[in-house]
C-alpha atoms as a PDB file:
ATOM      1  CA  MET A   1     195.238-238.693  92.737  1.00  0.00           C
ATOM      2  CA  GLY A   2     198.591-237.731  91.230  1.00  0.00           C
ATOM      3  CA  VAL A   3     202.045-238.098  92.711  1.00  0.00           C
ATOM      4  CA  VAL A   4     202.183-234.507  93.994  1.00  0.00           C
ATOM      5  CA  GLU A   5     198.901-234.935  95.888  1.00  0.00           C
ATOM      6  CA  SER A   6     199.876-238.383  97.210  1.00  0.00           C
ATOM      7  CA  TRP A   7     203.268-237.154  98.433  1.00  0.00           C
ATOM      8  CA  SER A   8     201.691-234.038  99.990  1.00  0.00           C
ATOM      9  CA  ARG A   9     199.137-236.209 101.807  1.00  0.00           C
ATOM     10  CA  LEU A  10     201.918-238.486 103.061  1.00  0.00           C
ATOM     11  CA  MET A  11     204.007-235.523 104.222  1.00  0.00           C
ATOM     12  CA  GLY A  12     200.971-234.084 106.031  1.00  0.00           C
ATOM     13  CA  LEU A  13     200.526-237.371 107.894  1.00  0.00           C
ATOM     14  CA  LEU A  14     204.238-237.575 108.700  1.00  0.00           C
ATOM     15  CA  ARG A  15     204.261-233.963 109.974  1.00  0.00           C
ATOM     16  CA  GLN A  16     201.175-234.694 112.110  1.00  0.00           C
ATOM     17  CA  HIS A  17     202.197-238.047 113.565  1.00  0.00           C
ATOM     18  CA  ALA A  18     206.013-238.082 113.405  1.00  0.00           C
ATOM     19  CA  PRO A  19     207.180-234.467 113.266  1.00  0.00           C
ATOM     20  CA  GLY A  20     210.724-235.470 114.236  1.00  0.00           C
ATOM     21  CA  ASN A  21     211.060-237.582 111.090  1.00  0.00           C
ATOM     22  CA  HIS A  22     209.375-234.916 108.968  1.00  0.00           C
ATOM     23  CA  ALA A  23     211.726-232.163 110.182  1.00  0.00           C
ATOM     24  CA  GLU A  24     214.782-234.070 108.903  1.00  0.00           C
ATOM     25  CA  LEU A  25     213.624-234.233 105.295  1.00  0.00           C
ATOM     26  CA  PRO A  26     215.376-231.812 102.937  1.00  0.00           C
ATOM     27  CA  GLY A  27     213.991-229.509 100.305  1.00  0.00           C
ATOM     28  CA  PRO A  28     213.511-230.022  96.587  1.00  0.00           C
ATOM     29  CA  ALA A  29     215.870-230.897  93.765  1.00  0.00           C
ATOM     30  CA  THR A  30     216.259-228.410  90.951  1.00  0.00           C
ATOM     31  CA  GLU A  31     215.554-228.893  87.256  1.00  0.00           C
ATOM     32  CA  ARG A  32     219.279-228.425  86.679  1.00  0.00           C
ATOM     33  CA  MET A  33     220.144-231.265  89.087  1.00  0.00           C
ATOM     34  CA  LEU A  34     217.629-233.579  87.408  1.00  0.00           C
ATOM     35  CA  ALA A  35     218.783-232.725  83.879  1.00  0.00           C
ATOM     36  CA  ALA A  36     222.424-233.378  84.828  1.00  0.00           C
ATOM     37  CA  ALA A  37     221.534-236.729  86.402  1.00  0.00           C
ATOM     38  CA  GLU A  38     219.480-237.738  83.351  1.00  0.00           C
ATOM     39  CA  GLU A  39     222.415-236.931  81.101  1.00  0.00           C
ATOM     40  CA  ARG A  40     224.848-238.960  83.208  1.00  0.00           C
ATOM     41  CA  MET A  41     222.427-241.915  83.423  1.00  0.00           C
ATOM     42  CA  GLY A  42     221.432-241.697  79.779  1.00  0.00           C
ATOM     43  CA  VAL A  43     217.732-242.022  80.566  1.00  0.00           C
ATOM     44  CA  ALA A  44     214.920-239.501  81.008  1.00  0.00           C
ATOM     45  CA  LEU A  45     213.129-239.655  84.352  1.00  0.00           C
ATOM     46  CA  HIS A  46     209.437-240.485  84.286  1.00  0.00           C
ATOM     47  CA  PRO A  47     207.333-237.321  84.883  1.00  0.00           C
ATOM     48  CA  ASP A  48     206.051-238.710  88.225  1.00  0.00           C
ATOM     49  CA  LEU A  49     209.586-239.326  89.478  1.00  0.00           C
ATOM     50  CA  ARG A  50     210.625-235.867  88.294  1.00  0.00           C
ATOM     51  CA  ALA A  51     207.620-234.214  90.011  1.00  0.00           C
ATOM     52  CA  TRP A  52     208.386-236.021  93.277  1.00  0.00           C
ATOM     53  CA  LEU A  53     212.059-235.046  93.257  1.00  0.00           C
ATOM     54  CA  LEU A  54     211.091-231.427  92.640  1.00  0.00           C
ATOM     55  CA  LEU A  55     209.168-231.618  95.950  1.00  0.00           C
ATOM     56  CA  ASN A  56     211.790-233.445  98.050  1.00  0.00           C
ATOM     57  CA  ASN A  57     215.240-234.552  97.012  1.00  0.00           C
ATOM     58  CA  LEU A  58     216.010-237.034  99.756  1.00  0.00           C
ATOM     59  CA  ASP A  59     219.775-237.141  99.361  1.00  0.00           C
ATOM     60  CA  LEU A  60     221.643-236.938 102.620  1.00  0.00           C
ATOM     61  CA  PRO A  61     223.987-233.979 103.069  1.00  0.00           C
ATOM     62  CA  GLU A  62     227.434-234.856 101.653  1.00  0.00           C
ATOM     63  CA  GLU A  63     228.986-234.980 105.130  1.00  0.00           C
ATOM     64  CA  ASP A  64     226.483-237.661 106.231  1.00  0.00           C
ATOM     65  CA  VAL A  65     227.008-240.000 103.254  1.00  0.00           C
ATOM     66  CA  ASP A  66     228.800-243.236 104.140  1.00  0.00           C
ATOM     67  CA  PRO A  67     231.044-244.141 101.188  1.00  0.00           C
ATOM     68  CA  HIS A  68     231.150-247.782 102.333  1.00  0.00           C
ATOM     69  CA  VAL A  69     227.468-248.480 101.669  1.00  0.00           C
ATOM     70  CA  ALA A  70     225.668-248.564  98.327  1.00  0.00           C
ATOM     71  CA  CYS A  71     222.770-246.358  99.466  1.00  0.00           C
ATOM     72  CA  CYS A  72     222.249-243.860 102.241  1.00  0.00           C
ATOM     73  CA  GLY A  73     219.010-242.284 103.318  1.00  0.00           C
ATOM     74  CA  TYR A  74     216.973-240.930 106.183  1.00  0.00           C
ATOM     75  CA  ALA A  75     216.725-243.696 108.788  1.00  0.00           C
ATOM     76  CA  GLY A  76     213.319-244.778 110.000  1.00  0.00           C
ATOM     77  CA  PHE A  77     211.140-243.603 107.124  1.00  0.00           C
ATOM     78  CA  PRO A  78     209.323-245.164 105.363  1.00  0.00           C
ATOM     79  CA  ASP A  79     210.598-248.312 107.052  1.00  0.00           C
ATOM     80  CA  GLU A  80     213.311-249.559 109.346  1.00  0.00           C
ATOM     81  CA  THR A  81     215.936-250.865 106.940  1.00  0.00           C
ATOM     82  CA  SER A  82     215.370-249.146 103.586  1.00  0.00           C
ATOM     83  CA  PHE A  83     215.397-245.590 102.303  1.00  0.00           C
ATOM     84  CA  LEU A  84     213.681-243.363  99.799  1.00  0.00           C
ATOM     85  CA  LEU A  85     216.523-242.184  97.584  1.00  0.00           C
ATOM     86  CA  GLY A  86     217.511-238.728  96.458  1.00  0.00           C
ATOM     87  CA  ILE A  87     218.765-238.072  92.942  1.00  0.00           C
ATOM     88  CA  ARG A  88     222.476-238.646  93.771  1.00  0.00           C
ATOM     89  CA  ALA A  89     221.700-241.963  95.450  1.00  0.00           C
ATOM     90  CA  MET A  90     219.411-242.975  92.559  1.00  0.00           C
ATOM     91  CA  GLU A  91     222.129-242.182  90.074  1.00  0.00           C
ATOM     92  CA  ARG A  92     224.749-244.122  92.024  1.00  0.00           C
ATOM     93  CA  LEU A  93     222.557-247.217  92.372  1.00  0.00           C
ATOM     94  CA  TYR A  94     221.422-246.963  88.748  1.00  0.00           C
ATOM     95  CA  ALA A  95     225.088-246.980  87.666  1.00  0.00           C
ATOM     96  CA  ASN A  96     225.605-250.199  89.655  1.00  0.00           C
ATOM     97  CA  HIS A  97     222.694-251.933  87.907  1.00  0.00           C
ATOM     98  CA  SER A  98     222.658-250.608  84.324  1.00  0.00           C
ATOM     99  CA  ARG A  99     224.350-252.556  81.554  1.00  0.00           C
ATOM    100  CA  PRO A 100     225.582-251.671  78.040  1.00  0.00           C
ATOM    101  CA  GLU A 101     223.180-254.273  76.610  1.00  0.00           C
ATOM    102  CA  GLY A 102     220.238-252.501  78.287  1.00  0.00           C
ATOM    103  CA  PHE A 103     219.338-255.409  80.566  1.00  0.00           C
ATOM    104  CA  ASP A 104     220.950-257.926  82.891  1.00  0.00           C
ATOM    105  CA  PRO A 105     221.640-260.786  82.402  1.00  0.00           C
ATOM    106  CA  PRO A 106     222.370-260.214  78.698  1.00  0.00           C
ATOM    107  CA  ASP A 107     220.968-263.617  77.680  1.00  0.00           C
ATOM    108  CA  GLU A 108     217.572-263.004  79.366  1.00  0.00           C
ATOM    109  CA  PRO A 109     215.936-260.088  77.476  1.00  0.00           C
ATOM    110  CA  ASP A 110     212.394-261.257  78.267  1.00  0.00           C
ATOM    111  CA  ALA A 111     212.903-261.867  82.002  1.00  0.00           C
ATOM    112  CA  PRO A 112     215.834-259.740  83.136  1.00  0.00           C
ATOM    113  CA  PHE A 113     216.938-259.046  86.661  1.00  0.00           C
ATOM    114  CA  TRP A 114     217.401-255.404  85.601  1.00  0.00           C
ATOM    115  CA  ARG A 115     216.506-253.151  82.643  1.00  0.00           C
ATOM    116  CA  ASN A 116     218.083-249.762  82.021  1.00  0.00           C
ATOM    117  CA  GLU A 117     214.570-248.272  81.834  1.00  0.00           C
ATOM    118  CA  TRP A 118     214.175-248.873  85.570  1.00  0.00           C
ATOM    119  CA  VAL A 119     215.279-246.060  87.911  1.00  0.00           C
ATOM    120  CA  PRO A 120     215.556-247.024  91.596  1.00  0.00           C
ATOM    121  CA  PHE A 121     213.928-244.732  94.166  1.00  0.00           C
ATOM    122  CA  PHE A 122     213.899-246.956  97.279  1.00  0.00           C
ATOM    123  CA  SER A 123     216.580-249.365  98.479  1.00  0.00           C
ATOM    124  CA  ASP A 124     218.267-251.052 101.379  1.00  0.00           C
ATOM    125  CA  GLN A 125     221.750-249.739 102.159  1.00  0.00           C
ATOM    126  CA  ASP A 126     223.460-252.555 100.245  1.00  0.00           C
ATOM    127  CA  GLY A 127     221.431-252.057  97.061  1.00  0.00           C
ATOM    128  CA  TRP A 128     220.291-255.684  97.191  1.00  0.00           C
ATOM    129  CA  HIS A 129     216.578-254.954  97.103  1.00  0.00           C
ATOM    130  CA  GLY A 130     214.270-252.055  96.528  1.00  0.00           C
ATOM    131  CA  LEU A 131     211.752-250.391  94.270  1.00  0.00           C
ATOM    132  CA  PHE A 132     212.108-248.742  90.875  1.00  0.00           C
ATOM    133  CA  VAL A 133     210.039-246.627  88.498  1.00  0.00           C
ATOM    134  CA  ASP A 134     209.828-247.863  84.908  1.00  0.00           C
ATOM    135  CA  VAL A 135     210.525-244.693  82.902  1.00  0.00           C
ATOM    136  CA  ARG A 136     208.467-246.053  79.983  1.00  0.00           C
ATOM    137  CA  ASP A 137     205.108-246.180  81.786  1.00  0.00           C
ATOM    138  CA  GLY A 138     205.569-245.034  85.412  1.00  0.00           C
ATOM    139  CA  ARG A 139     204.762-248.401  86.979  1.00  0.00           C
ATOM    140  CA  VAL A 140     206.643-249.286  90.149  1.00  0.00           C
ATOM    141  CA  GLY A 141     208.399-252.628  90.401  1.00  0.00           C
ATOM    142  CA  SER A 142     210.644-254.357  92.906  1.00  0.00           C
ATOM    143  CA  TRP A 143     213.947-256.171  92.702  1.00  0.00           C
ATOM    144  CA  PHE A 144     215.773-258.493  95.054  1.00  0.00           C
ATOM    145  CA  VAL A 145     219.208-259.774  94.066  1.00  0.00           C
ATOM    146  CA  GLY A 146     218.962-263.496  93.374  1.00  0.00           C
ATOM    147  CA  ASP A 147     215.185-263.447  92.993  1.00  0.00           C
ATOM    148  CA  VAL A 148     212.696-262.642  90.249  1.00  0.00           C
ATOM    149  CA  THR A 149     212.137-258.949  89.553  1.00  0.00           C
ATOM    150  CA  VAL A 150     208.492-257.941  89.851  1.00  0.00           C
ATOM    151  CA  THR A 151     207.220-255.295  87.450  1.00  0.00           C
ATOM    152  CA  GLY A 152     203.984-253.450  88.060  1.00  0.00           C
ATOM    153  CA  LYS A 153     203.902-254.011  91.819  1.00  0.00           C
ATOM    154  CA  TYR A 154     202.230-250.577  92.043  1.00  0.00           C
ATOM    155  CA  GLU A 155     200.410-248.863  89.193  1.00  0.00           C
ATOM    156  CA  SER A 156     202.331-245.647  89.842  1.00  0.00           C
ATOM    157  CA  LEU A 157     204.522-243.761  92.280  1.00  0.00           C
ATOM    158  CA  ALA A 158     201.327-242.124  93.607  1.00  0.00           C
ATOM    159  CA  HIS A 159     199.891-245.563  94.424  1.00  0.00           C
ATOM    160  CA  TYR A 160     203.097-246.482  96.254  1.00  0.00           C
ATOM    161  CA  PHE A 161     202.967-243.262  98.315  1.00  0.00           C
ATOM    162  CA  ASP A 162     199.290-243.955  99.058  1.00  0.00           C
ATOM    163  CA  SER A 163     200.314-247.364 100.457  1.00  0.00           C
ATOM    164  CA  VAL A 164     202.949-245.714 102.669  1.00  0.00           C
ATOM    165  CA  ALA A 165     200.306-243.212 103.876  1.00  0.00           C
ATOM    166  CA  GLU A 166     198.037-246.140 104.804  1.00  0.00           C
ATOM    167  CA  LEU A 167     200.923-247.760 106.687  1.00  0.00           C
ATOM    168  CA  LEU A 168     201.664-244.510 108.529  1.00  0.00           C
ATOM    169  CA  THR A 169     197.976-244.181 109.451  1.00  0.00           C
ATOM    170  CA  ARG A 170     198.045-247.716 110.900  1.00  0.00           C
ATOM    171  CA  ILE A 171     201.233-246.937 112.846  1.00  0.00           C
ATOM    172  CA  ALA A 172     199.747-243.706 114.239  1.00  0.00           C
ATOM    173  CA  SER A 173     196.614-245.539 115.387  1.00  0.00           C
ATOM    174  CA  GLY A 174     198.692-248.225 117.147  1.00  0.00           C
ATOM    175  CA  ASP A 175     197.641-250.883 114.627  1.00  0.00           C
ATOM    176  CA  HIS A 176     201.122-251.907 113.426  1.00  0.00           C
ATOM    177  CA  PRO A 177     203.090-254.438 115.489  1.00  0.00           C
ATOM    178  CA  GLY A 178     206.509-253.443 114.089  1.00  0.00           C
ATOM    179  CA  CYS A 179     206.454-249.690 114.614  1.00  0.00           C
ATOM    180  CA  GLU A 180     205.158-247.035 116.951  1.00  0.00           C
ATOM    181  CA  VAL A 181     205.462-243.293 117.373  1.00  0.00           C
ATOM    182  CA  VAL A 182     207.546-242.268 120.387  1.00  0.00           C
ATOM    183  CA  GLU A 183     208.158-238.600 121.160  1.00  0.00           C
ATOM    184  CA  GLY A 184     207.270-237.598 117.596  1.00  0.00           C
ATOM    185  CA  ARG A 185     209.481-240.156 115.866  1.00  0.00           C
ATOM    186  CA  LEU A 186     208.844-243.513 114.207  1.00  0.00           C
ATOM    187  CA  VAL A 187     210.453-246.286 116.251  1.00  0.00           C
ATOM    188  CA  TRP A 188     210.739-249.724 114.667  1.00  0.00           C
ATOM    189  CA  SER A 189     210.987-252.874 116.771  1.00  0.00           C
END
């Protein structure tokens, strides 16, 4: 299953089980927005990341963005403390991590904390941890400041979205101790 099908399946589950969360999600990015972001970042988005953003660009409206936090997103989905990022938020976080040398730290090219080929798509509000797509091969990895970066945590963005769909299915069936659906919204404890 590709990223478009995985995201569509996930959105169907969200609409069915948590329509309040689903209703808040915005529409798609445009090719123009993506091309401009790629130019500013100096990296081409992986086709899966591009396809996903053309379905839903999860940037908050400008008036809802908190300039005092590294990342903003739609609270409560897909988890309590982190957000799927829209293209503006990705670009902002990418700018915080990228380095002229192409990786960080500059003396660790074989085991870096960050590589410029990694584009974040999920993060906590401080930008301390999250998930990224490797633009070279589409694999999804994770970072946590002060810890080892994990590459290939998911084979693809579609596999990540499939895992979120499984989590949402468990929540909807009452089989997740940290979250439940209350009045059409995900509520984390």
